Amino acid sequence: MYETMDDVMAANEALGHHWFEADTMAFFKSKIETELLGGKYFISSEKSPFRLKRDYTIRRADEDGRVSTVGKLGEHDSLVDALTALIRLTSRG
């Protein structure tokens, strides 16, 4: 689908969405934690003002440039946990 995170970012911007803009990322205290995996997946982390640590979320770059959440927002307590869940997900087919 996509080759790099830059491709995902460009598709999202071309759609008129603001997912990767600096102001959006700063507002949600978001970080992109991985490179693009499997042509469409990546992991982000967010830091809520109500939690002491970051939460990790599996994301999917859709064909039209949208970014979707796989599972629940902040579902994973660590990057290792999120990566393990993503490996399980992608190994299913």
PDB file of N, CA and C in Angstrom:
ATOM      1  N   MET A   1       0.821  -1.186   0.000  1.00  0.00           N
ATOM      2  CA  MET A   1       0.000   0.000   0.000  1.00  0.00           C
ATOM      3  C   MET A   1       0.870   1.258   0.000  1.00  0.00           C
ATOM      4  N   TYR A   2       1.527   1.530   1.120  1.00  0.00           N
ATOM      5  CA  TYR A   2       2.461   2.655   1.221  1.00  0.00           C
ATOM      6  C   TYR A   2       3.866   2.096   1.444  1.00  0.00           C
ATOM      7  N   GLU A   3       4.866   2.867   1.064  1.00  0.00           N
ATOM      8  CA  GLU A   3       6.240   2.420   1.276  1.00  0.00           C
ATOM      9  C   GLU A   3       6.854   3.020   2.540  1.00  0.00           C
ATOM     10  N   THR A   4       6.505   4.267   2.856  1.00  0.00           N
ATOM     11  CA  THR A   4       7.114   4.947   4.001  1.00  0.00           C
ATOM     12  C   THR A   4       6.076   5.760   4.766  1.00  0.00           C
ATOM     13  N   MET A   5       6.443   6.189   5.956  1.00  0.00           N
ATOM     14  CA  MET A   5       5.575   7.080   6.722  1.00  0.00           C
ATOM     15  C   MET A   5       5.400   8.405   5.989  1.00  0.00           C
ATOM     16  N   ASP A   6       6.408   8.844   5.261  1.00  0.00           N
ATOM     17  CA  ASP A   6       6.269  10.079   4.479  1.00  0.00           C
ATOM     18  C   ASP A   6       5.139   9.949   3.455  1.00  0.00           C
ATOM     19  N   ASP A   7       4.998   8.756   2.854  1.00  0.00           N
ATOM     20  CA  ASP A   7       3.905   8.521   1.905  1.00  0.00           C
ATOM     21  C   ASP A   7       2.548   8.631   2.606  1.00  0.00           C
ATOM     22  N   VAL A   8       2.460   8.067   3.804  1.00  0.00           N
ATOM     23  CA  VAL A   8       1.219   8.129   4.586  1.00  0.00           C
ATOM     24  C   VAL A   8       0.897   9.579   4.932  1.00  0.00           C
ATOM     25  N   MET A   9       1.897  10.311   5.386  1.00  0.00           N
ATOM     26  CA  MET A   9       1.700  11.710   5.759  1.00  0.00           C
ATOM     27  C   MET A   9       1.236  12.538   4.565  1.00  0.00           C
ATOM     28  N   ALA A  10       1.826  12.299   3.406  1.00  0.00           N
ATOM     29  CA  ALA A  10       1.440  13.038   2.201  1.00  0.00           C
ATOM     30  C   ALA A  10       0.006  12.708   1.790  1.00  0.00           C
ATOM     31  N   ALA A  11      -0.382  11.438   1.869  1.00  0.00           N
ATOM     32  CA  ALA A  11      -1.745  11.035   1.518  1.00  0.00           C
ATOM     33  C   ALA A  11      -2.758  11.655   2.474  1.00  0.00           C
ATOM     34  N   ASN A  12      -2.423  11.702   3.764  1.00  0.00           N
ATOM     35  CA  ASN A  12      -3.306  12.293   4.765  1.00  0.00           C
ATOM     36  C   ASN A  12      -3.468  13.792   4.511  1.00  0.00           C
ATOM     37  N   GLU A  13      -2.373  14.452   4.203  1.00  0.00           N
ATOM     38  CA  GLU A  13      -2.419  15.890   3.920  1.00  0.00           C
ATOM     39  C   GLU A  13      -3.207  16.166   2.637  1.00  0.00           C
ATOM     40  N   ALA A  14      -3.013  15.340   1.606  1.00  0.00           N
ATOM     41  CA  ALA A  14      -3.730  15.523   0.335  1.00  0.00           C
ATOM     42  C   ALA A  14      -5.235  15.373   0.515  1.00  0.00           C
ATOM     43  N   LEU A  15      -5.636  14.582   1.486  1.00  0.00           N
ATOM     44  CA  LEU A  15      -7.054  14.388   1.799  1.00  0.00           C
ATOM     45  C   LEU A  15      -7.629  15.602   2.533  1.00  0.00           C
ATOM     46  N   GLY A  16      -6.742  16.481   2.999  1.00  0.00           N
ATOM     47  CA  GLY A  16      -7.186  17.648   3.750  1.00  0.00           C
ATOM     48  C   GLY A  16      -7.269  17.390   5.239  1.00  0.00           C
ATOM     49  N   HIS A  17      -6.700  16.277   5.680  1.00  0.00           N
ATOM     50  CA  HIS A  17      -6.697  15.946   7.102  1.00  0.00           C
ATOM     51  C   HIS A  17      -5.439  16.487   7.769  1.00  0.00           C
ATOM     52  N   HIS A  18      -5.456  16.531   9.075  1.00  0.00           N
ATOM     53  CA  HIS A  18      -4.392  17.207   9.829  1.00  0.00           C
ATOM     54  C   HIS A  18      -3.717  16.284  10.848  1.00  0.00           C
ATOM     55  N   TRP A  19      -3.839  14.971  10.672  1.00  0.00           N
ATOM     56  CA  TRP A  19      -3.373  14.007  11.666  1.00  0.00           C
ATOM     57  C   TRP A  19      -1.911  14.211  12.031  1.00  0.00           C
ATOM     58  N   PHE A  20      -1.067  14.493  11.064  1.00  0.00           N
ATOM     59  CA  PHE A  20       0.379  14.557  11.292  1.00  0.00           C
ATOM     60  C   PHE A  20       0.922  15.977  11.456  1.00  0.00           C
ATOM     61  N   GLU A  21       0.071  16.974  11.417  1.00  0.00           N
ATOM     62  CA  GLU A  21       0.548  18.355  11.564  1.00  0.00           C
ATOM     63  C   GLU A  21       1.131  18.561  12.961  1.00  0.00           C
ATOM     64  N   ALA A  22       2.133  19.394  13.038  1.00  0.00           N
ATOM     65  CA  ALA A  22       2.844  19.628  14.300  1.00  0.00           C
ATOM     66  C   ALA A  22       1.897  20.079  15.413  1.00  0.00           C
ATOM     67  N   ASP A  23       0.969  20.970  15.104  1.00  0.00           N
ATOM     68  CA  ASP A  23       0.032  21.456  16.130  1.00  0.00           C
ATOM     69  C   ASP A  23      -0.875  20.339  16.641  1.00  0.00           C
ATOM     70  N   THR A  24      -1.322  19.475  15.739  1.00  0.00           N
ATOM     71  CA  THR A  24      -2.172  18.354  16.138  1.00  0.00           C
ATOM     72  C   THR A  24      -1.395  17.386  17.022  1.00  0.00           C
ATOM     73  N   MET A  25      -0.176  17.057  16.593  1.00  0.00           N
ATOM     74  CA  MET A  25       0.663  16.132  17.359  1.00  0.00           C
ATOM     75  C   MET A  25       0.962  16.720  18.745  1.00  0.00           C
ATOM     76  N   ALA A  26       1.216  18.006  18.816  1.00  0.00           N
ATOM     77  CA  ALA A  26       1.515  18.647  20.096  1.00  0.00           C
ATOM     78  C   ALA A  26       0.283  18.663  21.007  1.00  0.00           C
ATOM     79  N   PHE A  27      -0.874  18.926  20.440  1.00  0.00           N
ATOM     80  CA  PHE A  27      -2.100  18.975  21.238  1.00  0.00           C
ATOM     81  C   PHE A  27      -2.361  17.645  21.934  1.00  0.00           C
ATOM     82  N   PHE A  28      -2.177  16.544  21.201  1.00  0.00           N
ATOM     83  CA  PHE A  28      -2.425  15.213  21.757  1.00  0.00           C
ATOM     84  C   PHE A  28      -1.174  14.589  22.381  1.00  0.00           C
ATOM     85  N   LYS A  29      -0.068  15.339  22.365  1.00  0.00           N
ATOM     86  CA  LYS A  29       1.223  14.828  22.845  1.00  0.00           C
ATOM     87  C   LYS A  29       1.534  13.483  22.177  1.00  0.00           C
ATOM     88  N   SER A  30       1.327  13.452  20.856  1.00  0.00           N
ATOM     89  CA  SER A  30       1.505  12.234  20.071  1.00  0.00           C
ATOM     90  C   SER A  30       2.925  12.101  19.543  1.00  0.00           C
ATOM     91  N   LYS A  31       3.346  10.848  19.424  1.00  0.00           N
ATOM     92  CA  LYS A  31       4.622  10.509  18.795  1.00  0.00           C
ATOM     93  C   LYS A  31       4.381   9.323  17.867  1.00  0.00           C
ATOM     94  N   ILE A  32       5.075   9.321  16.756  1.00  0.00           N
ATOM     95  CA  ILE A  32       5.076   8.154  15.891  1.00  0.00           C
ATOM     96  C   ILE A  32       6.220   7.280  16.393  1.00  0.00           C
ATOM     97  N   GLU A  33       5.892   6.085  16.859  1.00  0.00           N
ATOM     98  CA  GLU A  33       6.873   5.239  17.544  1.00  0.00           C
ATOM     99  C   GLU A  33       7.583   4.239  16.631  1.00  0.00           C
ATOM    100  N   THR A  34       7.027   3.969  15.456  1.00  0.00           N
ATOM    101  CA  THR A  34       7.627   2.984  14.554  1.00  0.00           C
ATOM    102  C   THR A  34       7.646   3.509  13.132  1.00  0.00           C
ATOM    103  N   GLU A  35       8.395   2.834  12.315  1.00  0.00           N
ATOM    104  CA  GLU A  35       8.301   3.033  10.877  1.00  0.00           C
ATOM    105  C   GLU A  35       7.012   2.365  10.416  1.00  0.00           C
ATOM    106  N   LEU A  36       6.718   2.493   9.157  1.00  0.00           N
ATOM    107  CA  LEU A  36       5.551   1.837   8.584  1.00  0.00           C
ATOM    108  C   LEU A  36       5.799   0.332   8.530  1.00  0.00           C
ATOM    109  N   LEU A  37       4.840  -0.429   8.997  1.00  0.00           N
ATOM    110  CA  LEU A  37       4.965  -1.880   9.060  1.00  0.00           C
ATOM    111  C   LEU A  37       3.881  -2.516   8.198  1.00  0.00           C
ATOM    112  N   GLY A  38       4.271  -3.459   7.363  1.00  0.00           N
ATOM    113  CA  GLY A  38       3.294  -4.145   6.523  1.00  0.00           C
ATOM    114  C   GLY A  38       2.605  -3.247   5.515  1.00  0.00           C
ATOM    115  N   GLY A  39       3.222  -2.125   5.176  1.00  0.00           N
ATOM    116  CA  GLY A  39       2.658  -1.227   4.176  1.00  0.00           C
ATOM    117  C   GLY A  39       1.499  -0.376   4.629  1.00  0.00           C
ATOM    118  N   LYS A  40       1.051  -0.581   5.907  1.00  0.00           N
ATOM    119  CA  LYS A  40      -0.102   0.219   6.340  1.00  0.00           C
ATOM    120  C   LYS A  40      -0.205   0.429   7.844  1.00  0.00           C
ATOM    121  N   TYR A  41       0.584  -0.242   8.647  1.00  0.00           N
ATOM    122  CA  TYR A  41       0.472  -0.123  10.098  1.00  0.00           C
ATOM    123  C   TYR A  41       1.618   0.675  10.701  1.00  0.00           C
ATOM    124  N   PHE A  42       1.310   1.370  11.777  1.00  0.00           N
ATOM    125  CA  PHE A  42       2.341   2.005  12.589  1.00  0.00           C
ATOM    126  C   PHE A  42       1.800   2.129  14.003  1.00  0.00           C
ATOM    127  N   ILE A  43       2.685   2.444  14.914  1.00  0.00           N
ATOM    128  CA  ILE A  43       2.276   2.607  16.314  1.00  0.00           C
ATOM    129  C   ILE A  43       2.537   4.044  16.720  1.00  0.00           C
ATOM    130  N   SER A  44       1.534   4.621  17.353  1.00  0.00           N
ATOM    131  CA  SER A  44       1.679   5.973  17.916  1.00  0.00           C
ATOM    132  C   SER A  44       1.563   5.872  19.426  1.00  0.00           C
ATOM    133  N   SER A  45       2.045   6.900  20.094  1.00  0.00           N
ATOM    134  CA  SER A  45       1.829   6.997  21.534  1.00  0.00           C
ATOM    135  C   SER A  45       1.268   8.372  21.839  1.00  0.00           C
ATOM    136  N   GLU A  46       0.486   8.414  22.904  1.00  0.00           N
ATOM    137  CA  GLU A  46      -0.120   9.658  23.353  1.00  0.00           C
ATOM    138  C   GLU A  46       0.051   9.758  24.862  1.00  0.00           C
ATOM    139  N   LYS A  47       0.127  10.975  25.333  1.00  0.00           N
ATOM    140  CA  LYS A  47       0.290  11.205  26.771  1.00  0.00           C
ATOM    141  C   LYS A  47      -0.876  12.054  27.248  1.00  0.00           C
ATOM    142  N   SER A  48      -1.752  11.424  27.995  1.00  0.00           N
ATOM    143  CA  SER A  48      -2.896  12.126  28.562  1.00  0.00           C
ATOM    144  C   SER A  48      -2.429  12.931  29.772  1.00  0.00           C
ATOM    145  N   PRO A  49      -3.010  14.105  29.997  1.00  0.00           N
ATOM    146  CA  PRO A  49      -2.639  14.878  31.185  1.00  0.00           C
ATOM    147  C   PRO A  49      -3.062  14.179  32.481  1.00  0.00           C
ATOM    148  N   PHE A  50      -3.887  13.148  32.369  1.00  0.00           N
ATOM    149  CA  PHE A  50      -4.389  12.444  33.545  1.00  0.00           C
ATOM    150  C   PHE A  50      -3.603  11.178  33.863  1.00  0.00           C
ATOM    151  N   ARG A  51      -2.609  10.869  33.043  1.00  0.00           N
ATOM    152  CA  ARG A  51      -1.798   9.666  33.271  1.00  0.00           C
ATOM    153  C   ARG A  51      -0.332  10.054  33.372  1.00  0.00           C
ATOM    154  N   LEU A  52       0.410   9.282  34.133  1.00  0.00           N
ATOM    155  CA  LEU A  52       1.834   9.566  34.310  1.00  0.00           C
ATOM    156  C   LEU A  52       2.681   9.058  33.148  1.00  0.00           C
ATOM    157  N   LYS A  53       2.182   8.064  32.426  1.00  0.00           N
ATOM    158  CA  LYS A  53       2.983   7.501  31.348  1.00  0.00           C
ATOM    159  C   LYS A  53       2.234   7.536  30.030  1.00  0.00           C
ATOM    160  N   ARG A  54       2.943   7.224  28.962  1.00  0.00           N
ATOM    161  CA  ARG A  54       2.367   7.218  27.620  1.00  0.00           C
ATOM    162  C   ARG A  54       1.554   5.954  27.395  1.00  0.00           C
ATOM    163  N   ASP A  55       0.564   6.053  26.541  1.00  0.00           N
ATOM    164  CA  ASP A  55      -0.211   4.912  26.082  1.00  0.00           C
ATOM    165  C   ASP A  55       0.092   4.711  24.599  1.00  0.00           C
ATOM    166  N   TYR A  56      -0.004   3.479  24.123  1.00  0.00           N
ATOM    167  CA  TYR A  56       0.388   3.131  22.762  1.00  0.00           C
ATOM    168  C   TYR A  56      -0.815   2.598  21.997  1.00  0.00           C
ATOM    169  N   THR A  57      -0.906   2.988  20.732  1.00  0.00           N
ATOM    170  CA  THR A  57      -2.047   2.648  19.901  1.00  0.00           C
ATOM    171  C   THR A  57      -1.555   2.141  18.547  1.00  0.00           C
ATOM    172  N   ILE A  58      -2.147   1.044  18.080  1.00  0.00           N
ATOM    173  CA  ILE A  58      -1.863   0.565  16.727  1.00  0.00           C
ATOM    174  C   ILE A  58      -2.732   1.374  15.771  1.00  0.00           C
ATOM    175  N   ARG A  59      -2.112   1.866  14.711  1.00  0.00           N
ATOM    176  CA  ARG A  59      -2.813   2.670  13.706  1.00  0.00           C
ATOM    177  C   ARG A  59      -2.702   1.999  12.347  1.00  0.00           C
ATOM    178  N   ARG A  60      -3.696   2.266  11.508  1.00  0.00           N
ATOM    179  CA  ARG A  60      -3.692   1.763  10.140  1.00  0.00           C
ATOM    180  C   ARG A  60      -3.845   2.937   9.187  1.00  0.00           C
ATOM    181  N   ALA A  61      -2.964   3.001   8.205  1.00  0.00           N
ATOM    182  CA  ALA A  61      -3.070   3.998   7.145  1.00  0.00           C
ATOM    183  C   ALA A  61      -3.978   3.423   6.068  1.00  0.00           C
ATOM    184  N   ASP A  62      -5.162   3.992   5.926  1.00  0.00           N
ATOM    185  CA  ASP A  62      -6.125   3.503   4.953  1.00  0.00           C
ATOM    186  C   ASP A  62      -5.744   3.960   3.548  1.00  0.00           C
ATOM    187  N   GLU A  63      -6.268   3.274   2.549  1.00  0.00           N
ATOM    188  CA  GLU A  63      -5.924   3.564   1.153  1.00  0.00           C
ATOM    189  C   GLU A  63      -6.217   4.999   0.750  1.00  0.00           C
ATOM    190  N   ASP A  64      -7.242   5.604   1.351  1.00  0.00           N
ATOM    191  CA  ASP A  64      -7.627   6.969   0.968  1.00  0.00           C
ATOM    192  C   ASP A  64      -6.852   8.050   1.725  1.00  0.00           C
ATOM    193  N   GLY A  65      -5.929   7.644   2.617  1.00  0.00           N
ATOM    194  CA  GLY A  65      -5.132   8.619   3.362  1.00  0.00           C
ATOM    195  C   GLY A  65      -5.593   8.843   4.788  1.00  0.00           C
ATOM    196  N   ARG A  66      -6.719   8.267   5.154  1.00  0.00           N
ATOM    197  CA  ARG A  66      -7.189   8.390   6.535  1.00  0.00           C
ATOM    198  C   ARG A  66      -6.315   7.545   7.457  1.00  0.00           C
ATOM    199  N   VAL A  67      -6.309   7.894   8.723  1.00  0.00           N
ATOM    200  CA  VAL A  67      -5.627   7.098   9.743  1.00  0.00           C
ATOM    201  C   VAL A  67      -6.697   6.536  10.670  1.00  0.00           C
ATOM    202  N   SER A  68      -6.710   5.213  10.816  1.00  0.00           N
ATOM    203  CA  SER A  68      -7.683   4.540  11.664  1.00  0.00           C
ATOM    204  C   SER A  68      -6.994   3.937  12.877  1.00  0.00           C
ATOM    205  N   THR A  69      -7.733   3.819  13.954  1.00  0.00           N
ATOM    206  CA  THR A  69      -7.251   3.154  15.160  1.00  0.00           C
ATOM    207  C   THR A  69      -7.609   1.681  15.063  1.00  0.00           C
ATOM    208  N   VAL A  70      -6.648   0.817  15.334  1.00  0.00           N
ATOM    209  CA  VAL A  70      -6.877  -0.625  15.366  1.00  0.00           C
ATOM    210  C   VAL A  70      -7.023  -1.004  16.836  1.00  0.00           C
ATOM    211  N   GLY A  71      -8.169  -1.531  17.204  1.00  0.00           N
ATOM    212  CA  GLY A  71      -8.437  -1.809  18.613  1.00  0.00           C
ATOM    213  C   GLY A  71      -8.929  -0.541  19.282  1.00  0.00           C
ATOM    214  N   LYS A  72      -8.432  -0.291  20.482  1.00  0.00           N
ATOM    215  CA  LYS A  72      -8.854   0.875  21.255  1.00  0.00           C
ATOM    216  C   LYS A  72      -7.715   1.891  21.359  1.00  0.00           C
ATOM    217  N   LEU A  73      -8.081   3.149  21.471  1.00  0.00           N
ATOM    218  CA  LEU A  73      -7.107   4.208  21.676  1.00  0.00           C
ATOM    219  C   LEU A  73      -6.364   3.971  22.982  1.00  0.00           C
ATOM    220  N   GLY A  74      -5.029   3.978  22.918  1.00  0.00           N
ATOM    221  CA  GLY A  74      -4.223   3.802  24.128  1.00  0.00           C
ATOM    222  C   GLY A  74      -4.358   2.431  24.755  1.00  0.00           C
ATOM    223  N   GLU A  75      -4.685   1.446  23.959  1.00  0.00           N
ATOM    224  CA  GLU A  75      -4.955   0.101  24.461  1.00  0.00           C
ATOM    225  C   GLU A  75      -3.722  -0.570  25.064  1.00  0.00           C
ATOM    226  N   HIS A  76      -2.539  -0.168  24.660  1.00  0.00           N
ATOM    227  CA  HIS A  76      -1.313  -0.858  25.072  1.00  0.00           C
ATOM    228  C   HIS A  76      -0.493   0.009  26.029  1.00  0.00           C
ATOM    229  N   ASP A  77       0.017  -0.637  27.064  1.00  0.00           N
ATOM    230  CA  ASP A  77       0.781   0.071  28.096  1.00  0.00           C
ATOM    231  C   ASP A  77       2.246   0.281  27.739  1.00  0.00           C
ATOM    232  N   SER A  78       2.725  -0.434  26.727  1.00  0.00           N
ATOM    233  CA  SER A  78       4.129  -0.286  26.337  1.00  0.00           C
ATOM    234  C   SER A  78       4.265  -0.480  24.832  1.00  0.00           C
ATOM    235  N   LEU A  79       5.364  -0.006  24.295  1.00  0.00           N
ATOM    236  CA  LEU A  79       5.640  -0.198  22.879  1.00  0.00           C
ATOM    237  C   LEU A  79       5.800  -1.683  22.571  1.00  0.00           C
ATOM    238  N   VAL A  80       6.444  -2.425  23.459  1.00  0.00           N
ATOM    239  CA  VAL A  80       6.620  -3.865  23.256  1.00  0.00           C
ATOM    240  C   VAL A  80       5.263  -4.567  23.184  1.00  0.00           C
ATOM    241  N   ASP A  81       4.342  -4.204  24.071  1.00  0.00           N
ATOM    242  CA  ASP A  81       3.001  -4.785  24.062  1.00  0.00           C
ATOM    243  C   ASP A  81       2.290  -4.483  22.740  1.00  0.00           C
ATOM    244  N   ALA A  82       2.387  -3.243  22.280  1.00  0.00           N
ATOM    245  CA  ALA A  82       1.743  -2.856  21.021  1.00  0.00           C
ATOM    246  C   ALA A  82       2.367  -3.593  19.839  1.00  0.00           C
ATOM    247  N   LEU A  83       3.682  -3.708  19.819  1.00  0.00           N
ATOM    248  CA  LEU A  83       4.354  -4.433  18.737  1.00  0.00           C
ATOM    249  C   LEU A  83       3.975  -5.912  18.733  1.00  0.00           C
ATOM    250  N   THR A  84       3.892  -6.511  19.912  1.00  0.00           N
ATOM    251  CA  THR A  84       3.489  -7.916  20.016  1.00  0.00           C
ATOM    252  C   THR A  84       2.083  -8.105  19.468  1.00  0.00           C
ATOM    253  N   ALA A  85       1.169  -7.213  19.823  1.00  0.00           N
ATOM    254  CA  ALA A  85      -0.208  -7.292  19.333  1.00  0.00           C
ATOM    255  C   ALA A  85      -0.252  -7.085  17.811  1.00  0.00           C
ATOM    256  N   LEU A  86       0.559  -6.188  17.305  1.00  0.00           N
ATOM    257  CA  LEU A  86       0.596  -5.944  15.868  1.00  0.00           C
ATOM    258  C   LEU A  86       1.150  -7.154  15.119  1.00  0.00           C
ATOM    259  N   ILE A  87       2.156  -7.794  15.663  1.00  0.00           N
ATOM    260  CA  ILE A  87       2.712  -8.999  15.043  1.00  0.00           C
ATOM    261  C   ILE A  87       1.647 -10.094  15.001  1.00  0.00           C
ATOM    262  N   ARG A  88       0.909 -10.262  16.093  1.00  0.00           N
ATOM    263  CA  ARG A  88      -0.177 -11.254  16.116  1.00  0.00           C
ATOM    264  C   ARG A  88      -1.232 -10.920  15.053  1.00  0.00           C
ATOM    265  N   LEU A  89      -1.590  -9.650  14.969  1.00  0.00           N
ATOM    266  CA  LEU A  89      -2.593  -9.209  14.011  1.00  0.00           C
ATOM    267  C   LEU A  89      -2.146  -9.478  12.566  1.00  0.00           C
ATOM    268  N   THR A  90      -0.940  -9.120  12.241  1.00  0.00           N
ATOM    269  CA  THR A  90      -0.478  -9.267  10.859  1.00  0.00           C
ATOM    270  C   THR A  90      -0.144 -10.706  10.504  1.00  0.00           C
ATOM    271  N   SER A  91       0.129 -11.541  11.483  1.00  0.00           N
ATOM    272  CA  SER A  91       0.428 -12.950  11.181  1.00  0.00           C
ATOM    273  C   SER A  91      -0.841 -13.755  10.897  1.00  0.00           C
ATOM    274  N   ARG A  92      -1.990 -13.196  11.247  1.00  0.00           N
ATOM    275  CA  ARG A  92      -3.277 -13.861  10.978  1.00  0.00           C
ATOM    276  C   ARG A  92      -3.679 -13.758   9.518  1.00  0.00           C
ATOM    277  N   GLY A  93      -2.995 -12.891   8.802  1.00  0.00           N
ATOM    278  CA  GLY A  93      -3.330 -12.763   7.374  1.00  0.00           C
ATOM    279  C   GLY A  93      -3.568 -11.399   7.040  1.00  0.00           C
TER     280      GLY A  93
END
